[in-house]
């Protein structure tokens, strides 16, 4: 029974071939997009205000 459980755990791990097929280009594009947004001061002000209002909403509940 212990052997069966050990084999079951291995089935959930991704195969090395699956890892090799994954493309991370979309993640790189998203990172570059967020970097551009962070450099924009107006965007950061809006983001900070939005985060602050959400926090205030949950704290006052």
PDB file of N, CA and C in Angstrom:
ATOM      1  N   UNK A   1       0.820  -1.189   0.000  1.00  0.00           N
ATOM      2  CA  UNK A   1       0.000   0.000   0.000  1.00  0.00           C
ATOM      3  C   UNK A   1       0.867   1.258   0.000  1.00  0.00           C
ATOM      4  N   UNK A   2       1.956   1.259   0.756  1.00  0.00           N
ATOM      5  CA  UNK A   2       2.847   2.421   0.781  1.00  0.00           C
ATOM      6  C   UNK A   2       3.447   2.664  -0.596  1.00  0.00           C
ATOM      7  N   UNK A   3       3.738   1.593  -1.307  1.00  0.00           N
ATOM      8  CA  UNK A   3       4.304   1.736  -2.649  1.00  0.00           C
ATOM      9  C   UNK A   3       3.290   2.387  -3.596  1.00  0.00           C
ATOM     10  N   UNK A   4       2.038   2.007  -3.474  1.00  0.00           N
ATOM     11  CA  UNK A   4       0.990   2.573  -4.302  1.00  0.00           C
ATOM     12  C   UNK A   4       0.838   4.075  -4.027  1.00  0.00           C
ATOM     13  N   UNK A   5       0.918   4.485  -2.764  1.00  0.00           N
ATOM     14  CA  UNK A   5       0.820   5.896  -2.418  1.00  0.00           C
ATOM     15  C   UNK A   5       2.001   6.684  -2.969  1.00  0.00           C
ATOM     16  N   UNK A   6       3.196   6.084  -2.928  1.00  0.00           N
ATOM     17  CA  UNK A   6       4.379   6.755  -3.465  1.00  0.00           C
ATOM     18  C   UNK A   6       4.236   6.961  -4.965  1.00  0.00           C
ATOM     19  N   UNK A   7       3.726   5.989  -5.679  1.00  0.00           N
ATOM     20  CA  UNK A   7       3.540   6.130  -7.115  1.00  0.00           C
ATOM     21  C   UNK A   7       2.468   7.163  -7.437  1.00  0.00           C
ATOM     22  N   UNK A   8       1.452   7.261  -6.605  1.00  0.00           N
ATOM     23  CA  UNK A   8       0.382   8.228  -6.826  1.00  0.00           C
ATOM     24  C   UNK A   8       0.928   9.652  -6.736  1.00  0.00           C
ATOM     25  N   UNK A   9       1.823   9.897  -5.816  1.00  0.00           N
ATOM     26  CA  UNK A   9       2.406  11.228  -5.666  1.00  0.00           C
ATOM     27  C   UNK A   9       3.217  11.599  -6.896  1.00  0.00           C
ATOM     28  N   UNK A  10       3.874  10.652  -7.505  1.00  0.00           N
ATOM     29  CA  UNK A  10       4.691  10.924  -8.691  1.00  0.00           C
ATOM     30  C   UNK A  10       3.830  11.278  -9.896  1.00  0.00           C
ATOM     31  N   UNK A  11       2.618  10.759  -9.968  1.00  0.00           N
ATOM     32  CA  UNK A  11       1.755  11.025 -11.109  1.00  0.00           C
ATOM     33  C   UNK A  11       1.366  12.494 -11.209  1.00  0.00           C
ATOM     34  N   UNK A  12       1.303  13.186 -10.078  1.00  0.00           N
ATOM     35  CA  UNK A  12       0.883  14.584 -10.083  1.00  0.00           C
ATOM     36  C   UNK A  12       1.988  15.532 -10.524  1.00  0.00           C
ATOM     37  N   UNK A  13       3.233  15.098 -10.519  1.00  0.00           N
ATOM     38  CA  UNK A  13       4.329  15.962 -10.921  1.00  0.00           C
ATOM     39  C   UNK A  13       4.335  16.142 -12.439  1.00  0.00           C
ATOM     40  N   UNK A  14       4.657  17.336 -12.921  1.00  0.00           N
ATOM     41  CA  UNK A  14       4.716  17.527 -14.379  1.00  0.00           C
ATOM     42  C   UNK A  14       5.922  16.803 -14.963  1.00  0.00           C
ATOM     43  N   UNK A  15       5.751  16.279 -16.150  1.00  0.00           N
ATOM     44  CA  UNK A  15       6.839  15.578 -16.815  1.00  0.00           C
ATOM     45  C   UNK A  15       7.831  16.594 -17.361  1.00  0.00           C
ATOM     46  N   UNK A  16       9.062  16.162 -17.505  1.00  0.00           N
ATOM     47  CA  UNK A  16      10.080  17.083 -18.005  1.00  0.00           C
ATOM     48  C   UNK A  16       9.758  17.545 -19.418  1.00  0.00           C
ATOM     49  N   UNK A  17       9.111  16.706 -20.208  1.00  0.00           N
ATOM     50  CA  UNK A  17       8.748  17.121 -21.562  1.00  0.00           C
ATOM     51  C   UNK A  17       7.685  18.212 -21.529  1.00  0.00           C
ATOM     52  N   UNK A  18       6.779  18.154 -20.547  1.00  0.00           N
ATOM     53  CA  UNK A  18       5.764  19.190 -20.430  1.00  0.00           C
ATOM     54  C   UNK A  18       6.389  20.524 -20.036  1.00  0.00           C
ATOM     55  N   UNK A  19       7.402  20.473 -19.174  1.00  0.00           N
ATOM     56  CA  UNK A  19       8.060  21.703 -18.765  1.00  0.00           C
ATOM     57  C   UNK A  19       8.805  22.330 -19.933  1.00  0.00           C
ATOM     58  N   UNK A  20       9.375  21.507 -20.793  1.00  0.00           N
ATOM     59  CA  UNK A  20      10.115  22.014 -21.936  1.00  0.00           C
ATOM     60  C   UNK A  20       9.226  22.651 -22.976  1.00  0.00           C
ATOM     61  N   UNK A  21       7.975  22.268 -23.053  1.00  0.00           N
ATOM     62  CA  UNK A  21       7.050  22.789 -24.055  1.00  0.00           C
ATOM     63  C   UNK A  21       6.421  24.115 -23.667  1.00  0.00           C
ATOM     64  N   UNK A  22       6.445  24.449 -22.412  1.00  0.00           N
ATOM     65  CA  UNK A  22       5.788  25.672 -21.960  1.00  0.00           C
ATOM     66  C   UNK A  22       6.526  26.896 -22.495  1.00  0.00           C
ATOM     67  N   UNK A  23       5.747  27.881 -22.896  1.00  0.00           N
ATOM     68  CA  UNK A  23       6.314  29.123 -23.389  1.00  0.00           C
ATOM     69  C   UNK A  23       6.028  30.225 -22.376  1.00  0.00           C
ATOM     70  N   UNK A  24       7.048  30.984 -22.063  1.00  0.00           N
ATOM     71  CA  UNK A  24       6.897  32.035 -21.082  1.00  0.00           C
ATOM     72  C   UNK A  24       6.929  33.414 -21.717  1.00  0.00           C
ATOM     73  N   UNK A  25       6.771  33.487 -23.036  1.00  0.00           N
ATOM     74  CA  UNK A  25       6.834  34.779 -23.710  1.00  0.00           C
ATOM     75  C   UNK A  25       5.702  35.689 -23.256  1.00  0.00           C
ATOM     76  N   UNK A  26       4.525  35.123 -23.021  1.00  0.00           N
ATOM     77  CA  UNK A  26       3.406  35.959 -22.588  1.00  0.00           C
ATOM     78  C   UNK A  26       3.693  36.567 -21.221  1.00  0.00           C
ATOM     79  N   UNK A  27       4.378  35.833 -20.348  1.00  0.00           N
ATOM     80  CA  UNK A  27       4.734  36.376 -19.040  1.00  0.00           C
ATOM     81  C   UNK A  27       5.723  37.516 -19.191  1.00  0.00           C
ATOM     82  N   UNK A  28       6.685  37.382 -20.114  1.00  0.00           N
ATOM     83  CA  UNK A  28       7.665  38.437 -20.333  1.00  0.00           C
ATOM     84  C   UNK A  28       6.981  39.699 -20.854  1.00  0.00           C
ATOM     85  N   UNK A  29       6.008  39.524 -21.726  1.00  0.00           N
ATOM     86  CA  UNK A  29       5.277  40.679 -22.247  1.00  0.00           C
ATOM     87  C   UNK A  29       4.505  41.375 -21.137  1.00  0.00           C
ATOM     88  N   UNK A  30       3.888  40.590 -20.258  1.00  0.00           N
ATOM     89  CA  UNK A  30       3.146  41.172 -19.140  1.00  0.00           C
ATOM     90  C   UNK A  30       4.081  41.931 -18.206  1.00  0.00           C
ATOM     91  N   UNK A  31       5.255  41.369 -17.961  1.00  0.00           N
ATOM     92  CA  UNK A  31       6.227  42.027 -17.078  1.00  0.00           C
ATOM     93  C   UNK A  31       6.635  43.366 -17.663  1.00  0.00           C
ATOM     94  N   UNK A  32       6.925  43.398 -18.971  1.00  0.00           N
ATOM     95  CA  UNK A  32       7.320  44.651 -19.614  1.00  0.00           C
ATOM     96  C   UNK A  32       6.184  45.671 -19.574  1.00  0.00           C
ATOM     97  N   UNK A  33       4.956  45.193 -19.747  1.00  0.00           N
ATOM     98  CA  UNK A  33       3.800  46.084 -19.696  1.00  0.00           C
ATOM     99  C   UNK A  33       3.652  46.696 -18.313  1.00  0.00           C
ATOM    100  N   UNK A  34       3.794  45.878 -17.269  1.00  0.00           N
ATOM    101  CA  UNK A  34       3.691  46.393 -15.904  1.00  0.00           C
ATOM    102  C   UNK A  34       4.839  47.342 -15.572  1.00  0.00           C
ATOM    103  N   UNK A  35       6.028  47.070 -16.097  1.00  0.00           N
ATOM    104  CA  UNK A  35       7.156  47.975 -15.865  1.00  0.00           C
ATOM    105  C   UNK A  35       6.870  49.349 -16.456  1.00  0.00           C
ATOM    106  N   UNK A  36       6.265  49.384 -17.643  1.00  0.00           N
ATOM    107  CA  UNK A  36       5.899  50.662 -18.262  1.00  0.00           C
ATOM    108  C   UNK A  36       4.874  51.390 -17.403  1.00  0.00           C
ATOM    109  N   UNK A  37       3.889  50.655 -16.890  1.00  0.00           N
ATOM    110  CA  UNK A  37       2.855  51.276 -16.063  1.00  0.00           C
ATOM    111  C   UNK A  37       3.433  51.825 -14.774  1.00  0.00           C
ATOM    112  N   UNK A  38       4.372  51.096 -14.179  1.00  0.00           N
ATOM    113  CA  UNK A  38       4.958  51.532 -12.909  1.00  0.00           C
ATOM    114  C   UNK A  38       5.750  52.817 -13.103  1.00  0.00           C
ATOM    115  N   UNK A  39       6.376  52.987 -14.236  1.00  0.00           N
ATOM    116  CA  UNK A  39       7.151  54.205 -14.508  1.00  0.00           C
ATOM    117  C   UNK A  39       6.246  55.430 -14.652  1.00  0.00           C
ATOM    118  N   UNK A  40       5.000  55.224 -15.007  1.00  0.00           N
ATOM    119  CA  UNK A  40       4.057  56.324 -15.180  1.00  0.00           C
ATOM    120  C   UNK A  40       3.557  56.767 -13.802  1.00  0.00           C
ATOM    121  N   UNK A  41       3.841  58.022 -13.452  1.00  0.00           N
ATOM    122  CA  UNK A  41       3.484  58.520 -12.121  1.00  0.00           C
ATOM    123  C   UNK A  41       1.968  58.615 -11.921  1.00  0.00           C
ATOM    124  N   UNK A  42       1.244  58.988 -12.961  1.00  0.00           N
ATOM    125  CA  UNK A  42      -0.216  59.097 -12.849  1.00  0.00           C
ATOM    126  C   UNK A  42      -0.840  57.736 -12.561  1.00  0.00           C
ATOM    127  N   UNK A  43      -0.348  56.721 -13.233  1.00  0.00           N
ATOM    128  CA  UNK A  43      -0.865  55.361 -13.010  1.00  0.00           C
ATOM    129  C   UNK A  43      -0.608  54.928 -11.572  1.00  0.00           C
ATOM    130  N   UNK A  44       0.577  55.224 -11.069  1.00  0.00           N
ATOM    131  CA  UNK A  44       0.913  54.827  -9.701  1.00  0.00           C
ATOM    132  C   UNK A  44       0.032  55.551  -8.686  1.00  0.00           C
ATOM    133  N   UNK A  45      -0.248  56.831  -8.924  1.00  0.00           N
ATOM    134  CA  UNK A  45      -1.126  57.569  -8.015  1.00  0.00           C
ATOM    135  C   UNK A  45      -2.522  56.950  -7.995  1.00  0.00           C
ATOM    136  N   UNK A  46      -3.042  56.627  -9.170  1.00  0.00           N
ATOM    137  CA  UNK A  46      -4.368  56.015  -9.249  1.00  0.00           C
ATOM    138  C   UNK A  46      -4.367  54.648  -8.556  1.00  0.00           C
ATOM    139  N   UNK A  47      -3.304  53.866  -8.789  1.00  0.00           N
ATOM    140  CA  UNK A  47      -3.215  52.541  -8.181  1.00  0.00           C
ATOM    141  C   UNK A  47      -3.145  52.638  -6.658  1.00  0.00           C
ATOM    142  N   UNK A  48      -2.363  53.577  -6.161  1.00  0.00           N
ATOM    143  CA  UNK A  48      -2.231  53.748  -4.709  1.00  0.00           C
ATOM    144  C   UNK A  48      -3.572  54.175  -4.103  1.00  0.00           C
ATOM    145  N   UNK A  49      -4.267  55.081  -4.767  1.00  0.00           N
ATOM    146  CA  UNK A  49      -5.575  55.515  -4.270  1.00  0.00           C
ATOM    147  C   UNK A  49      -6.580  54.366  -4.263  1.00  0.00           C
ATOM    148  N   UNK A  50      -6.550  53.558  -5.295  1.00  0.00           N
ATOM    149  CA  UNK A  50      -7.477  52.421  -5.373  1.00  0.00           C
ATOM    150  C   UNK A  50      -7.189  51.406  -4.257  1.00  0.00           C
ATOM    151  N   UNK A  51      -5.921  51.126  -4.029  1.00  0.00           N
ATOM    152  CA  UNK A  51      -5.540  50.187  -2.963  1.00  0.00           C
ATOM    153  C   UNK A  51      -5.954  50.748  -1.605  1.00  0.00           C
ATOM    154  N   UNK A  52      -5.713  52.043  -1.402  1.00  0.00           N
ATOM    155  CA  UNK A  52      -6.071  52.670  -0.129  1.00  0.00           C
ATOM    156  C   UNK A  52      -7.582  52.628   0.105  1.00  0.00           C
ATOM    157  N   UNK A  53      -8.353  52.878  -0.942  1.00  0.00           N
ATOM    158  CA  UNK A  53      -9.809  52.861  -0.760  1.00  0.00           C
ATOM    159  C   UNK A  53     -10.305  51.443  -0.467  1.00  0.00           C
ATOM    160  N   UNK A  54      -9.717  50.440  -1.099  1.00  0.00           N
ATOM    161  CA  UNK A  54     -10.096  49.045  -0.823  1.00  0.00           C
ATOM    162  C   UNK A  54      -9.745  48.676   0.619  1.00  0.00           C
ATOM    163  N   UNK A  55      -8.562  49.056   1.060  1.00  0.00           N
ATOM    164  CA  UNK A  55      -8.163  48.758   2.446  1.00  0.00           C
ATOM    165  C   UNK A  55      -9.086  49.454   3.429  1.00  0.00           C
ATOM    166  N   UNK A  56      -9.394  50.706   3.163  1.00  0.00           N
ATOM    167  CA  UNK A  56     -10.281  51.453   4.050  1.00  0.00           C
ATOM    168  C   UNK A  56     -11.663  50.797   4.098  1.00  0.00           C
ATOM    169  N   UNK A  57     -12.146  50.346   2.975  1.00  0.00           N
ATOM    170  CA  UNK A  57     -13.436  49.680   2.921  1.00  0.00           C
ATOM    171  C   UNK A  57     -13.460  48.437   3.817  1.00  0.00           C
ATOM    172  N   UNK A  58     -12.423  47.612   3.717  1.00  0.00           N
ATOM    173  CA  UNK A  58     -12.401  46.389   4.509  1.00  0.00           C
ATOM    174  C   UNK A  58     -12.119  46.653   5.989  1.00  0.00           C
ATOM    175  N   UNK A  59     -11.361  47.704   6.282  1.00  0.00           N
ATOM    176  CA  UNK A  59     -11.084  48.006   7.691  1.00  0.00           C
ATOM    177  C   UNK A  59     -12.296  48.573   8.395  1.00  0.00           C
ATOM    178  N   UNK A  60     -13.161  49.291   7.681  1.00  0.00           N
ATOM    179  CA  UNK A  60     -14.330  49.905   8.293  1.00  0.00           C
ATOM    180  C   UNK A  60     -15.521  48.957   8.379  1.00  0.00           C
ATOM    181  N   UNK A  61     -15.419  47.803   7.806  1.00  0.00           N
ATOM    182  CA  UNK A  61     -16.516  46.835   7.848  1.00  0.00           C
ATOM    183  C   UNK A  61     -16.845  46.418   9.235  1.00  0.00           C
TER     184      UNK A  61
END
